[in-house]
């Protein structure tokens, strides 16, 4: 604490809180940051590949998530260290941009940081390491552009799309029925894709998970499924040639906007009030009937009286439909969302070929299926599973598969999976390192060593002797010049990933390399950490 004076000579007290801060500078800061980030990356290493292990995440509330999806693991972990949180953001960025490869990109970043640590110990300046990594990344990206192969995604009934989806699903809980899941993912994406523009609108793909049954019972529906049932048990369970009215106003009398009370002193007053309420409900139902609608979907609830009147007038209705579903239904059926009963007109109705309520399971769970929508080919995937945990993981797996298929439609260039691409890039970067003069060649060579971490981890997780297996496939790649030779994680007897059908999007690999390099560069440039004293 010290005394200071303002411009008028008045004294005021300055409280210096610098002594309450923990400050790390220089090489010590670099090492602390690298250690924190590597700890997170090493945790993800065992989840890589088709034989990777799952992680069980238990929340403070006791909720349990079992998954090996990198983005989910890092998102649910309570990572306090701010440098380690950069890897969480790295995984989220890969997930948002590509949808797959979230574990691989974190493992790669961890390997780069491990190599950077060795170079720092040798006395090489962090900026020289960062520049060398950037040069090496450019070399690796050029190598991917050279080895990528353009495939005809429509050939053999979209067989390549299915192979890419199977590769994405290979390491997941749903791997036992990956053919079915891959087939569903391909059907869903192709149903809503604009192949001329190479565009896929994920808003038209809805995923619903219902506990019960087995994963093999998962089905693909051309239409929209609402996890609801009709508001009255005696309403019709099937509506053909549906004229859909979508309401965002409640089926109930208007509430007075003032604070005045209403006194009812006699039975006549009560009867008058009751008749007024009845007139409101009758008027609402008549407006709906007059528009020609034969199905009502409402975002809010119904009064019991309104529900009875709707049933009496043979108007099937669904209440408490969520806002996202409302928008999806409006897009799919061509309906206009109606905010007030006074605005109901025949022009604002949507069209659907068939709307029906279906039930399954001994608990009589019900869903509403809306098929043959007039405007768009909205589709739904209904996931079944033995427990909520399995259903949630299947949903995450399918999201990854859908993203992979979408990426292939946007850019149909493929490279080898199973660590083949990283190994090919490592060999190319290692050769270029000898041509670079100065200290940066050490960083470039370290980048090549870091790229080998992916096939090394895959071999280790598959039960092979990692060093021995890596040297074997590296020798094969060098002698045959085939960049599609990788780790035979599925024990199919061949290391040629193209023959195995283990292929990945070239755009995804490029994105992984560039994102990992950017984050590592950022971590290497942090040389001063000022944080609260209790910061771990």
Protein backbone atom coordinates (compact mmCIF):
# COMPACT_ATOMS: atom_id res chain seq x y z
CA UNK A 1 0.00 0.00 0.00
CA UNK A 2 1.32 3.49 -0.84
CA UNK A 3 0.14 7.10 -0.91
CA UNK A 4 -0.43 8.99 -4.18
CA UNK A 5 -1.88 12.40 -5.12
CA UNK A 6 -4.35 13.38 -7.83
CA UNK A 7 -4.08 16.49 -10.04
CA UNK A 8 -5.65 18.62 -7.30
CA UNK A 9 -3.16 17.53 -4.66
CA UNK A 10 -5.65 15.32 -2.81
CA UNK A 11 -4.07 12.18 -1.39
CA UNK A 12 -5.48 8.72 -2.17
CA UNK A 13 -4.33 5.22 -1.37
CA UNK A 14 -3.01 2.83 -4.01
CA UNK A 15 -3.33 -0.82 -3.01
CA UNK A 16 -0.68 -2.82 -4.77
CA UNK A 17 -1.93 -6.36 -5.36
CA UNK A 18 1.09 -7.42 -7.36
CA UNK A 19 2.47 -9.35 -4.39
CA UNK A 20 -0.72 -11.43 -4.37
CA UNK A 21 -0.10 -12.55 -7.95
CA UNK A 22 1.90 -15.53 -9.08
CA UNK A 23 4.17 -14.62 -11.99
CA UNK A 24 6.12 -17.03 -14.16
CA UNK A 25 8.53 -15.70 -16.79
CA UNK A 26 10.87 -16.90 -19.52
CA UNK A 27 11.85 -20.53 -19.96
CA UNK A 28 10.04 -21.51 -16.78
CA UNK A 29 6.76 -20.17 -18.24
CA UNK A 30 7.33 -22.09 -21.50
CA UNK A 31 7.93 -25.33 -19.64
CA UNK A 32 4.90 -24.87 -17.36
CA UNK A 33 2.61 -24.18 -20.34
CA UNK A 34 3.94 -27.11 -22.34
CA UNK A 35 3.59 -29.46 -19.36
CA UNK A 36 -0.07 -28.47 -18.82
CA UNK A 37 -0.98 -28.89 -22.50
CA UNK A 38 0.91 -32.20 -22.83
CA UNK A 39 -0.93 -33.60 -19.80
CA UNK A 40 -4.25 -33.13 -21.63
CA UNK A 41 -2.85 -34.52 -24.89
CA UNK A 42 -1.44 -37.63 -23.17
CA UNK A 43 -4.84 -38.28 -21.65
CA UNK A 44 -6.37 -38.37 -25.15
CA UNK A 45 -3.66 -40.58 -26.65
CA UNK A 46 -5.21 -43.87 -25.50
CA UNK A 47 -8.54 -42.98 -27.15
CA UNK A 48 -7.07 -42.78 -30.66
CA UNK A 49 -8.02 -45.31 -33.33
CA UNK A 50 -10.48 -48.19 -33.69
CA UNK A 51 -9.00 -50.01 -30.68
CA UNK A 52 -8.83 -46.84 -28.57
CA UNK A 53 -10.14 -46.88 -25.01
CA UNK A 54 -13.26 -45.06 -23.80
CA UNK A 55 -13.30 -42.52 -20.98
CA UNK A 56 -15.89 -42.38 -18.21
CA UNK A 57 -16.71 -38.82 -17.19
CA UNK A 58 -18.62 -38.29 -13.94
CA UNK A 59 -20.14 -34.85 -13.35
CA UNK A 60 -20.49 -33.27 -9.87
CA UNK A 61 -24.20 -34.20 -10.07
CA UNK A 62 -23.34 -37.85 -10.63
CA UNK A 63 -24.24 -37.94 -14.34
CA UNK A 64 -22.11 -40.45 -16.22
CA UNK A 65 -20.87 -40.13 -19.82
CA UNK A 66 -18.92 -42.96 -21.46
CA UNK A 67 -17.31 -41.86 -24.72
CA UNK A 68 -14.14 -41.75 -26.78
CA UNK A 69 -15.17 -38.71 -28.79
CA UNK A 70 -12.32 -36.24 -28.29
CA UNK A 71 -14.44 -33.08 -28.39
CA UNK A 72 -16.91 -34.46 -25.83
CA UNK A 73 -14.19 -35.65 -23.43
CA UNK A 74 -12.38 -32.30 -23.45
CA UNK A 75 -15.63 -30.30 -23.30
CA UNK A 76 -16.87 -32.18 -20.21
CA UNK A 77 -13.52 -32.19 -18.40
CA UNK A 78 -13.03 -29.38 -15.91
CA UNK A 79 -9.75 -28.04 -17.29
CA UNK A 80 -8.61 -25.14 -15.11
CA UNK A 81 -5.19 -24.35 -16.58
CA UNK A 82 -5.63 -21.72 -19.26
CA UNK A 83 -2.91 -23.09 -21.56
CA UNK A 84 -4.48 -26.54 -21.37
CA UNK A 85 -7.81 -24.91 -22.26
CA UNK A 86 -6.26 -23.92 -25.59
CA UNK A 87 -6.28 -27.63 -26.49
CA UNK A 88 -9.97 -27.81 -25.55
CA UNK A 89 -10.63 -24.91 -27.92
CA UNK A 90 -8.47 -26.63 -30.56
CA UNK A 91 -10.64 -29.76 -30.34
CA UNK A 92 -13.85 -27.68 -30.49
CA UNK A 93 -12.56 -25.82 -33.53
CA UNK A 94 -11.83 -29.11 -35.36
CA UNK A 95 -15.29 -30.36 -34.36
CA UNK A 96 -17.04 -27.22 -35.62
CA UNK A 97 -15.12 -27.08 -38.90
CA UNK A 98 -14.80 -30.76 -39.82
CA UNK A 99 -16.74 -32.81 -37.25
CA UNK A 100 -14.18 -35.63 -37.01
CA UNK A 101 -10.51 -35.99 -36.03
CA UNK A 102 -10.96 -34.22 -32.69
CA UNK A 103 -8.76 -36.72 -30.82
CA UNK A 104 -6.06 -36.85 -33.51
CA UNK A 105 -5.59 -33.09 -33.62
CA UNK A 106 -5.01 -32.91 -29.84
CA UNK A 107 -2.57 -35.86 -29.90
CA UNK A 108 -0.67 -34.16 -32.74
CA UNK A 109 -0.49 -30.87 -30.83
CA UNK A 110 0.79 -32.74 -27.77
CA UNK A 111 3.50 -34.45 -29.86
CA UNK A 112 4.60 -31.08 -31.30
CA UNK A 113 4.84 -29.62 -27.80
CA UNK A 114 6.90 -32.60 -26.64
CA UNK A 115 9.36 -31.99 -29.49
CA UNK A 116 9.36 -28.26 -28.71
CA UNK A 117 10.30 -29.07 -25.11
CA UNK A 118 13.38 -31.01 -26.29
CA UNK A 119 14.45 -28.12 -28.54
CA UNK A 120 14.01 -25.59 -25.72
CA UNK A 121 16.25 -27.75 -23.52
CA UNK A 122 18.91 -27.52 -26.25
CA UNK A 123 18.77 -23.74 -26.02
CA UNK A 124 16.91 -22.99 -29.27
CA UNK A 125 14.79 -19.84 -29.11
CA UNK A 126 10.99 -20.39 -29.02
CA UNK A 127 10.44 -18.11 -32.04
CA UNK A 128 12.89 -20.16 -34.12
CA UNK A 129 10.98 -23.30 -33.14
CA UNK A 130 7.64 -21.68 -34.06
CA UNK A 131 8.95 -20.54 -37.45
CA UNK A 132 10.39 -23.99 -38.15
CA UNK A 133 7.07 -25.65 -37.28
CA UNK A 134 5.25 -23.29 -39.64
CA UNK A 135 7.63 -24.13 -42.51
CA UNK A 136 7.23 -27.84 -41.80
CA UNK A 137 3.43 -27.50 -41.75
CA UNK A 138 3.51 -25.90 -45.22
CA UNK A 139 5.65 -28.81 -46.49
CA UNK A 140 3.24 -31.36 -44.97
CA UNK A 141 0.18 -29.64 -46.50
CA UNK A 142 1.85 -29.65 -49.93
CA UNK A 143 2.55 -33.37 -49.48
CA UNK A 144 -1.15 -33.99 -48.71
CA UNK A 145 -2.08 -32.09 -51.88
CA UNK A 146 0.28 -34.35 -53.85
CA UNK A 147 -0.90 -37.69 -52.47
CA UNK A 148 -4.65 -37.00 -52.27
CA UNK A 149 -6.80 -38.92 -54.72
CA UNK A 150 -10.03 -37.63 -56.18
CA UNK A 151 -12.76 -40.25 -56.04
CA UNK A 152 -16.10 -40.53 -57.77
CA UNK A 153 -18.49 -40.47 -54.83
CA UNK A 154 -21.42 -41.64 -56.97
CA UNK A 155 -19.61 -44.73 -58.29
CA UNK A 156 -20.89 -48.13 -57.07
CA UNK A 157 -23.89 -46.53 -55.36
CA UNK A 158 -21.87 -44.10 -53.21
CA UNK A 159 -19.64 -46.88 -51.90
CA UNK A 160 -16.78 -44.48 -51.09
CA UNK A 161 -19.01 -42.30 -48.95
CA UNK A 162 -19.95 -45.38 -46.95
CA UNK A 163 -16.27 -46.35 -46.55
CA UNK A 164 -15.44 -42.91 -45.16
CA UNK A 165 -18.36 -43.13 -42.73
CA UNK A 166 -17.26 -46.62 -41.61
CA UNK A 167 -13.73 -45.27 -40.96
CA UNK A 168 -15.22 -42.54 -38.73
CA UNK A 169 -17.38 -45.08 -36.86
CA UNK A 170 -14.63 -47.70 -36.45
CA UNK A 171 -13.46 -46.44 -33.06
CA UNK A 172 -16.93 -45.85 -31.64
CA UNK A 173 -19.34 -47.74 -29.40
CA UNK A 174 -21.50 -48.46 -32.47
CA UNK A 175 -18.67 -50.29 -34.29
CA UNK A 176 -20.51 -53.64 -34.04
CA UNK A 177 -23.21 -52.28 -36.38
CA UNK A 178 -21.09 -49.72 -38.24
CA UNK A 179 -22.37 -50.88 -41.65
CA UNK A 180 -25.95 -50.01 -40.67
CA UNK A 181 -24.95 -46.67 -39.11
CA UNK A 182 -22.76 -45.74 -42.11
CA UNK A 183 -25.60 -46.60 -44.48
CA UNK A 184 -28.02 -44.43 -42.48
CA UNK A 185 -25.52 -41.53 -42.41
CA UNK A 186 -25.02 -41.68 -46.20
CA UNK A 187 -28.80 -41.87 -46.85
CA UNK A 188 -29.49 -38.94 -44.52
CA UNK A 189 -26.86 -36.65 -46.07
CA UNK A 190 -27.77 -37.52 -49.67
CA UNK A 191 -31.46 -36.93 -48.91
CA UNK A 192 -30.84 -33.27 -48.00
CA UNK A 193 -27.72 -32.56 -50.11
CA UNK A 194 -27.57 -30.22 -53.09
CA UNK A 195 -25.00 -32.11 -55.17
CA UNK A 196 -24.74 -29.38 -57.81
CA UNK A 197 -23.76 -26.75 -55.26
CA UNK A 198 -21.93 -29.35 -53.11
CA UNK A 199 -23.85 -28.13 -50.09
CA UNK A 200 -25.51 -30.00 -47.20
CA UNK A 201 -27.99 -28.34 -44.83
CA UNK A 202 -27.71 -30.13 -41.49
CA UNK A 203 -30.79 -28.26 -40.22
CA UNK A 204 -32.90 -30.73 -42.20
CA UNK A 205 -31.43 -33.78 -40.45
CA UNK A 206 -32.97 -34.46 -37.05
CA UNK A 207 -31.62 -37.08 -34.65
CA UNK A 208 -33.85 -38.53 -31.91
CA UNK A 209 -32.67 -41.09 -29.36
CA UNK A 210 -35.17 -43.35 -27.56
CA UNK A 211 -34.00 -45.77 -24.86
CA UNK A 212 -35.05 -49.36 -25.49
CA UNK A 213 -34.34 -51.98 -28.12
CA UNK A 214 -30.84 -52.46 -29.50
CA UNK A 215 -28.56 -50.40 -31.73
CA UNK A 216 -29.59 -52.60 -34.67
CA UNK A 217 -33.13 -51.18 -34.32
CA UNK A 218 -31.88 -47.70 -35.28
CA UNK A 219 -33.86 -46.56 -38.32
CA UNK A 220 -33.86 -43.89 -41.00
CA UNK A 221 -37.13 -42.04 -41.65
CA UNK A 222 -37.87 -39.81 -44.64
CA UNK A 223 -39.77 -37.20 -42.70
CA UNK A 224 -39.79 -35.57 -39.26
CA UNK A 225 -40.29 -37.36 -35.95
CA UNK A 226 -41.63 -35.41 -32.98
CA UNK A 227 -41.02 -36.93 -29.56
CA UNK A 228 -44.65 -36.13 -28.66
CA UNK A 229 -48.12 -37.64 -28.85
CA UNK A 230 -51.52 -36.20 -29.77
CA UNK A 231 -52.93 -34.01 -26.99
CA UNK A 232 -56.09 -36.14 -26.51
CA UNK A 233 -56.09 -39.95 -26.45
CA UNK A 234 -59.31 -40.09 -28.53
CA UNK A 235 -57.98 -37.99 -31.41
CA UNK A 236 -57.34 -39.66 -34.76
CA UNK A 237 -53.95 -41.39 -34.81
CA UNK A 238 -53.35 -40.88 -38.54
CA UNK A 239 -54.03 -37.87 -40.79
CA UNK A 240 -53.74 -38.25 -44.55
CA UNK A 241 -53.07 -35.23 -46.78
CA UNK A 242 -52.44 -33.09 -43.70
CA UNK A 243 -52.96 -29.33 -43.85
CA UNK A 244 -50.73 -28.20 -41.01
CA UNK A 245 -51.33 -25.08 -38.91
CA UNK A 246 -48.34 -24.02 -36.77
CA UNK A 247 -49.23 -21.80 -33.82
CA UNK A 248 -46.95 -19.97 -31.40
CA UNK A 249 -49.85 -18.67 -29.29
CA UNK A 250 -51.54 -20.63 -26.46
CA UNK A 251 -55.04 -22.11 -26.79
CA UNK A 252 -56.46 -20.21 -23.83
CA UNK A 253 -58.43 -17.02 -23.09
CA UNK A 254 -56.39 -13.80 -22.95
CA UNK A 255 -55.20 -12.85 -19.49
CA UNK A 256 -56.04 -9.33 -18.24
CA UNK A 257 -53.05 -7.01 -18.42
CA UNK A 258 -54.12 -4.99 -15.34
CA UNK A 259 -53.97 -5.79 -11.64
CA UNK A 260 -57.72 -5.40 -11.16
CA UNK A 261 -59.58 -8.30 -9.54
CA UNK A 262 -62.85 -9.81 -10.73
CA UNK A 263 -65.53 -10.51 -8.14
CA UNK A 264 -68.09 -13.24 -8.74
CA UNK A 265 -71.03 -12.66 -6.35
CA UNK A 266 -73.66 -14.98 -7.80
CA UNK A 267 -74.20 -18.09 -9.89
CA UNK A 268 -75.37 -15.85 -12.72
CA UNK A 269 -72.04 -14.04 -12.74
CA UNK A 270 -70.19 -17.35 -12.84
CA UNK A 271 -72.38 -18.59 -15.71
CA UNK A 272 -71.71 -15.37 -17.61
CA UNK A 273 -67.94 -15.73 -17.12
CA UNK A 274 -68.08 -19.41 -18.09
CA UNK A 275 -70.04 -18.61 -21.27
CA UNK A 276 -67.52 -15.89 -22.18
CA UNK A 277 -64.66 -18.38 -21.79
CA UNK A 278 -66.57 -20.94 -23.88
CA UNK A 279 -67.11 -18.33 -26.60
CA UNK A 280 -63.35 -17.63 -26.66
CA UNK A 281 -62.52 -21.32 -27.13
CA UNK A 282 -65.27 -21.84 -29.71
CA UNK A 283 -64.13 -18.80 -31.68
CA UNK A 284 -60.50 -20.08 -31.67
CA UNK A 285 -61.49 -23.53 -32.90
CA UNK A 286 -63.80 -22.08 -35.56
CA UNK A 287 -60.99 -19.90 -36.91
CA UNK A 288 -58.79 -22.98 -37.21
CA UNK A 289 -61.57 -24.98 -38.91
CA UNK A 290 -62.41 -22.11 -41.28
CA UNK A 291 -58.83 -22.02 -42.55
CA UNK A 292 -59.15 -25.63 -43.75
CA UNK A 293 -56.51 -27.00 -41.33
CA UNK A 294 -56.85 -30.62 -40.23
CA UNK A 295 -53.80 -30.71 -37.92
CA UNK A 296 -52.66 -28.18 -35.30
CA UNK A 297 -49.10 -27.97 -33.95
CA UNK A 298 -48.78 -25.55 -31.04
CA UNK A 299 -45.66 -24.32 -29.28
CA UNK A 300 -47.61 -23.82 -26.04
CA UNK A 301 -50.05 -25.87 -23.99
CA UNK A 302 -53.82 -26.31 -24.32
CA UNK A 303 -56.47 -25.65 -21.75
CA UNK A 304 -58.48 -28.82 -21.01
CA UNK A 305 -61.56 -27.16 -22.44
CA UNK A 306 -59.74 -26.29 -25.66
CA UNK A 307 -58.37 -29.83 -25.88
CA UNK A 308 -61.89 -31.26 -25.58
CA UNK A 309 -63.25 -28.88 -28.23
CA UNK A 310 -60.43 -29.75 -30.64
CA UNK A 311 -61.18 -33.43 -30.22
CA UNK A 312 -64.93 -32.80 -30.57
CA UNK A 313 -64.38 -30.92 -33.86
CA UNK A 314 -62.07 -33.72 -35.10
CA UNK A 315 -58.97 -31.52 -35.13
CA UNK A 316 -55.90 -33.59 -34.11
CA UNK A 317 -53.43 -31.42 -32.22
CA UNK A 318 -49.95 -31.62 -30.71
CA UNK A 319 -48.89 -29.32 -27.87
CA UNK A 320 -45.57 -28.21 -26.38
CA UNK A 321 -43.68 -28.55 -29.67
CA UNK A 322 -40.17 -27.11 -29.23
CA UNK A 323 -39.00 -23.96 -31.00
CA UNK A 324 -36.35 -25.80 -33.09
CA UNK A 325 -38.93 -28.36 -34.23
CA UNK A 326 -41.39 -25.56 -35.05
CA UNK A 327 -38.85 -23.95 -37.41
CA UNK A 328 -37.93 -27.30 -38.99
CA UNK A 329 -41.60 -28.14 -39.56
CA UNK A 330 -42.24 -24.71 -41.07
CA UNK A 331 -39.34 -25.18 -43.52
CA UNK A 332 -40.33 -28.74 -44.39
CA UNK A 333 -44.10 -28.30 -44.82
CA UNK A 334 -44.04 -24.77 -46.22
CA UNK A 335 -46.22 -23.49 -43.36
CA UNK A 336 -46.04 -19.95 -42.02
CA UNK A 337 -45.70 -19.64 -38.25
CA UNK A 338 -48.87 -17.96 -36.92
CA UNK A 339 -48.42 -15.84 -33.75
CA UNK A 340 -52.12 -14.86 -33.25
CA UNK A 341 -55.47 -16.48 -34.01
CA UNK A 342 -56.59 -13.35 -35.88
CA UNK A 343 -53.85 -13.96 -38.46
CA UNK A 344 -54.89 -17.51 -39.44
CA UNK A 345 -55.46 -17.77 -43.22
CA UNK A 346 -55.54 -20.74 -45.63
CA UNK A 347 -52.34 -19.45 -47.31
CA UNK A 348 -50.36 -19.99 -44.10
CA UNK A 349 -51.01 -23.73 -43.91
CA UNK A 350 -48.32 -26.29 -44.65
CA UNK A 351 -48.73 -29.61 -46.44
CA UNK A 352 -47.67 -33.12 -45.48
CA UNK A 353 -48.65 -36.43 -47.07
CA UNK A 354 -49.17 -38.36 -43.85
CA UNK A 355 -48.97 -37.64 -40.11
CA UNK A 356 -49.37 -40.55 -37.71
CA UNK A 357 -48.71 -41.51 -34.11
CA UNK A 358 -46.65 -44.66 -33.62
CA UNK A 359 -45.84 -46.46 -30.39
CA UNK A 360 -43.14 -48.96 -29.45
CA UNK A 361 -41.78 -50.72 -26.41
CA UNK A 362 -43.63 -52.18 -23.43
CA UNK A 363 -43.76 -48.71 -21.85
CA UNK A 364 -45.90 -47.61 -24.81
CA UNK A 365 -43.59 -44.73 -25.80
CA UNK A 366 -45.16 -42.66 -28.55
CA UNK A 367 -43.74 -40.45 -31.30
CA UNK A 368 -45.41 -38.58 -34.14
CA UNK A 369 -44.14 -39.21 -37.67
CA UNK A 370 -44.62 -36.52 -40.33
CA UNK A 371 -43.89 -37.85 -43.84
CA UNK A 372 -43.96 -36.57 -47.44
CA UNK A 373 -43.38 -32.91 -46.57
CA UNK A 374 -44.15 -30.60 -49.48
CA UNK A 375 -41.15 -28.24 -49.48
CA UNK A 376 -38.01 -30.08 -48.42
CA UNK A 377 -36.79 -33.60 -47.88
CA UNK A 378 -36.43 -33.32 -44.14
CA UNK A 379 -35.21 -36.60 -42.62
CA UNK A 380 -34.93 -38.06 -39.13
CA UNK A 381 -32.70 -40.72 -37.61
CA UNK A 382 -34.35 -42.63 -34.76
CA UNK A 383 -31.65 -44.11 -32.52
CA UNK A 384 -32.45 -47.04 -30.25
CA UNK A 385 -30.16 -48.33 -27.53
CA UNK A 386 -30.16 -50.35 -24.36
CA UNK A 387 -29.51 -47.36 -22.10
CA UNK A 388 -29.38 -43.57 -22.17
CA UNK A 389 -25.56 -43.70 -22.13
CA UNK A 390 -25.45 -45.87 -25.27
CA UNK A 391 -28.08 -43.72 -27.03
CA UNK A 392 -26.12 -40.52 -26.28
CA UNK A 393 -22.86 -42.03 -27.54
CA UNK A 394 -24.59 -43.36 -30.68
CA UNK A 395 -25.87 -39.83 -31.34
CA UNK A 396 -22.32 -38.44 -31.09
CA UNK A 397 -21.01 -41.21 -33.36
CA UNK A 398 -23.65 -40.53 -35.99
CA UNK A 399 -22.89 -36.81 -35.87
CA UNK A 400 -19.24 -37.59 -36.71
CA UNK A 401 -20.27 -39.91 -39.57
CA UNK A 402 -22.68 -37.31 -40.98
CA UNK A 403 -19.94 -34.66 -40.89
CA UNK A 404 -17.49 -36.97 -42.70
CA UNK A 405 -19.99 -37.71 -45.48
CA UNK A 406 -20.78 -34.00 -45.79
CA UNK A 407 -17.06 -33.19 -46.09
CA UNK A 408 -16.68 -35.78 -48.86
CA UNK A 409 -19.53 -34.17 -50.81
CA UNK A 410 -17.92 -30.74 -50.41
CA UNK A 411 -14.44 -31.99 -51.32
CA UNK A 412 -14.15 -35.53 -52.70
CA UNK A 413 -10.38 -35.88 -52.28
CA UNK A 414 -9.26 -38.70 -49.98
CA UNK A 415 -6.03 -39.75 -48.28
CA UNK A 416 -5.14 -42.90 -46.39
CA UNK A 417 -6.29 -43.42 -42.82
CA UNK A 418 -4.55 -45.50 -40.17
CA UNK A 419 -1.68 -43.01 -39.79
CA UNK A 420 -0.62 -43.47 -43.45
CA UNK A 421 -0.95 -39.77 -44.30
CA UNK A 422 0.95 -38.58 -41.21
CA UNK A 423 3.74 -41.05 -42.00
CA UNK A 424 3.93 -39.88 -45.64
CA UNK A 425 4.08 -36.26 -44.47
CA UNK A 426 6.74 -37.14 -41.87
CA UNK A 427 8.96 -38.70 -44.54
CA UNK A 428 8.52 -35.67 -46.85
CA UNK A 429 9.20 -33.13 -44.06
CA UNK A 430 12.29 -35.10 -42.93
CA UNK A 431 13.75 -35.00 -46.45
CA UNK A 432 13.11 -31.25 -46.78
CA UNK A 433 14.72 -30.56 -43.39
CA UNK A 434 18.15 -31.45 -44.81
CA UNK A 435 17.79 -28.67 -47.40
CA UNK A 436 17.04 -25.94 -44.84
CA UNK A 437 19.95 -23.92 -43.50
CA UNK A 438 20.17 -22.52 -40.01
CA UNK A 439 18.67 -23.48 -36.66
CA UNK A 440 15.15 -23.88 -38.10
CA UNK A 441 16.11 -27.22 -39.66
CA UNK A 442 16.06 -28.72 -36.14
CA UNK A 443 12.46 -27.56 -35.66
CA UNK A 444 11.45 -28.92 -39.08
CA UNK A 445 13.01 -32.29 -38.26
CA UNK A 446 11.25 -32.25 -34.87
CA UNK A 447 7.93 -31.65 -36.70
CA UNK A 448 8.60 -34.78 -38.77
CA UNK A 449 9.21 -36.77 -35.57
CA UNK A 450 5.99 -35.42 -34.04
CA UNK A 451 3.96 -36.56 -37.07
CA UNK A 452 5.08 -40.13 -36.35
CA UNK A 453 3.27 -39.96 -33.01
CA UNK A 454 -0.12 -40.66 -34.67
CA UNK A 455 0.82 -44.02 -36.31
CA UNK A 456 2.85 -44.83 -33.17
CA UNK A 457 -0.21 -44.33 -30.92
CA UNK A 458 -2.43 -46.29 -33.34
CA UNK A 459 0.01 -49.23 -33.35
CA UNK A 460 0.28 -49.17 -29.56
CA UNK A 461 -3.52 -49.04 -29.09
CA UNK A 462 -3.91 -51.92 -31.57
CA UNK A 463 -1.65 -54.19 -29.51
CA UNK A 464 1.48 -54.08 -31.70
CA UNK A 465 5.01 -53.30 -30.61
CA UNK A 466 4.84 -49.59 -31.59
CA UNK A 467 8.51 -48.90 -32.47
CA UNK A 468 8.94 -52.15 -34.37
CA UNK A 469 5.67 -51.78 -36.29
CA UNK A 470 6.32 -48.14 -37.16
CA UNK A 471 9.78 -48.90 -38.56
CA UNK A 472 8.27 -51.72 -40.65
CA UNK A 473 5.53 -49.61 -42.31
CA UNK A 474 7.93 -46.67 -42.73
CA UNK A 475 10.28 -48.95 -44.62
CA UNK A 476 7.37 -50.18 -46.78
CA UNK A 477 6.33 -46.61 -47.62
CA UNK A 478 9.89 -45.65 -48.56
CA UNK A 479 10.54 -48.75 -50.69
CA UNK A 480 7.15 -48.89 -52.45
CA UNK A 481 6.53 -45.14 -52.58
CA UNK A 482 2.90 -45.81 -51.58
CA UNK A 483 1.49 -43.10 -49.28
CA UNK A 484 -1.53 -45.29 -48.45
CA UNK A 485 0.47 -47.75 -46.29
CA UNK A 486 -0.52 -47.40 -42.64
CA UNK A 487 -1.31 -49.26 -39.42
CA UNK A 488 -3.44 -52.38 -39.85
CA UNK A 489 -5.48 -51.62 -36.72
CA UNK A 490 -8.34 -53.91 -37.81
CA UNK A 491 -6.06 -56.95 -38.39
CA UNK A 492 -7.16 -57.40 -42.00
CA UNK A 493 -3.76 -58.71 -43.13
CA UNK A 494 -2.78 -55.76 -45.34
CA UNK A 495 -1.21 -52.40 -44.57
CA UNK A 496 -2.63 -50.78 -47.72
CA UNK A 497 -5.35 -48.49 -46.44
CA UNK A 498 -6.93 -48.05 -49.88
CA UNK A 499 -7.41 -51.82 -50.15
CA UNK A 500 -8.86 -51.91 -46.64
CA UNK A 501 -11.18 -49.01 -47.47
CA UNK A 502 -9.79 -46.97 -44.54
CA UNK A 503 -9.77 -43.52 -46.11
CA UNK A 504 -10.23 -40.02 -44.73
CA UNK A 505 -11.01 -36.59 -46.14
CA UNK A 506 -7.91 -34.71 -47.33
CA UNK A 507 -9.49 -31.44 -46.13
CA UNK A 508 -9.79 -32.89 -42.60
CA UNK A 509 -6.08 -33.81 -42.49
CA UNK A 510 -5.02 -30.39 -43.77
CA UNK A 511 -7.21 -28.73 -41.15
CA UNK A 512 -5.72 -30.88 -38.36
CA UNK A 513 -2.13 -29.96 -39.32
CA UNK A 514 -2.85 -26.24 -39.64
CA UNK A 515 -4.88 -25.94 -36.43
CA UNK A 516 -2.38 -27.92 -34.33
CA UNK A 517 0.53 -25.82 -35.66
CA UNK A 518 -1.28 -22.54 -34.94
CA UNK A 519 -2.06 -23.52 -31.33
CA UNK A 520 1.48 -24.77 -30.67
CA UNK A 521 2.90 -21.52 -32.07
CA UNK A 522 0.62 -19.57 -29.73
CA UNK A 523 1.75 -21.59 -26.70
CA UNK A 524 5.43 -21.17 -27.63
CA UNK A 525 5.05 -17.38 -27.79
CA UNK A 526 3.73 -17.11 -24.21
CA UNK A 527 6.69 -16.16 -21.99
CA UNK A 528 4.99 -14.36 -19.12
CA UNK A 529 2.08 -15.74 -17.09
CA UNK A 530 0.47 -13.48 -14.49
CA UNK A 531 -2.21 -15.25 -12.48
CA UNK A 532 -3.77 -15.37 -9.01
CA UNK A 533 -1.55 -17.03 -6.40
CA UNK A 534 -3.91 -19.99 -6.00
CA UNK A 535 -3.83 -20.68 -9.75
CA UNK A 536 -2.77 -24.23 -10.54
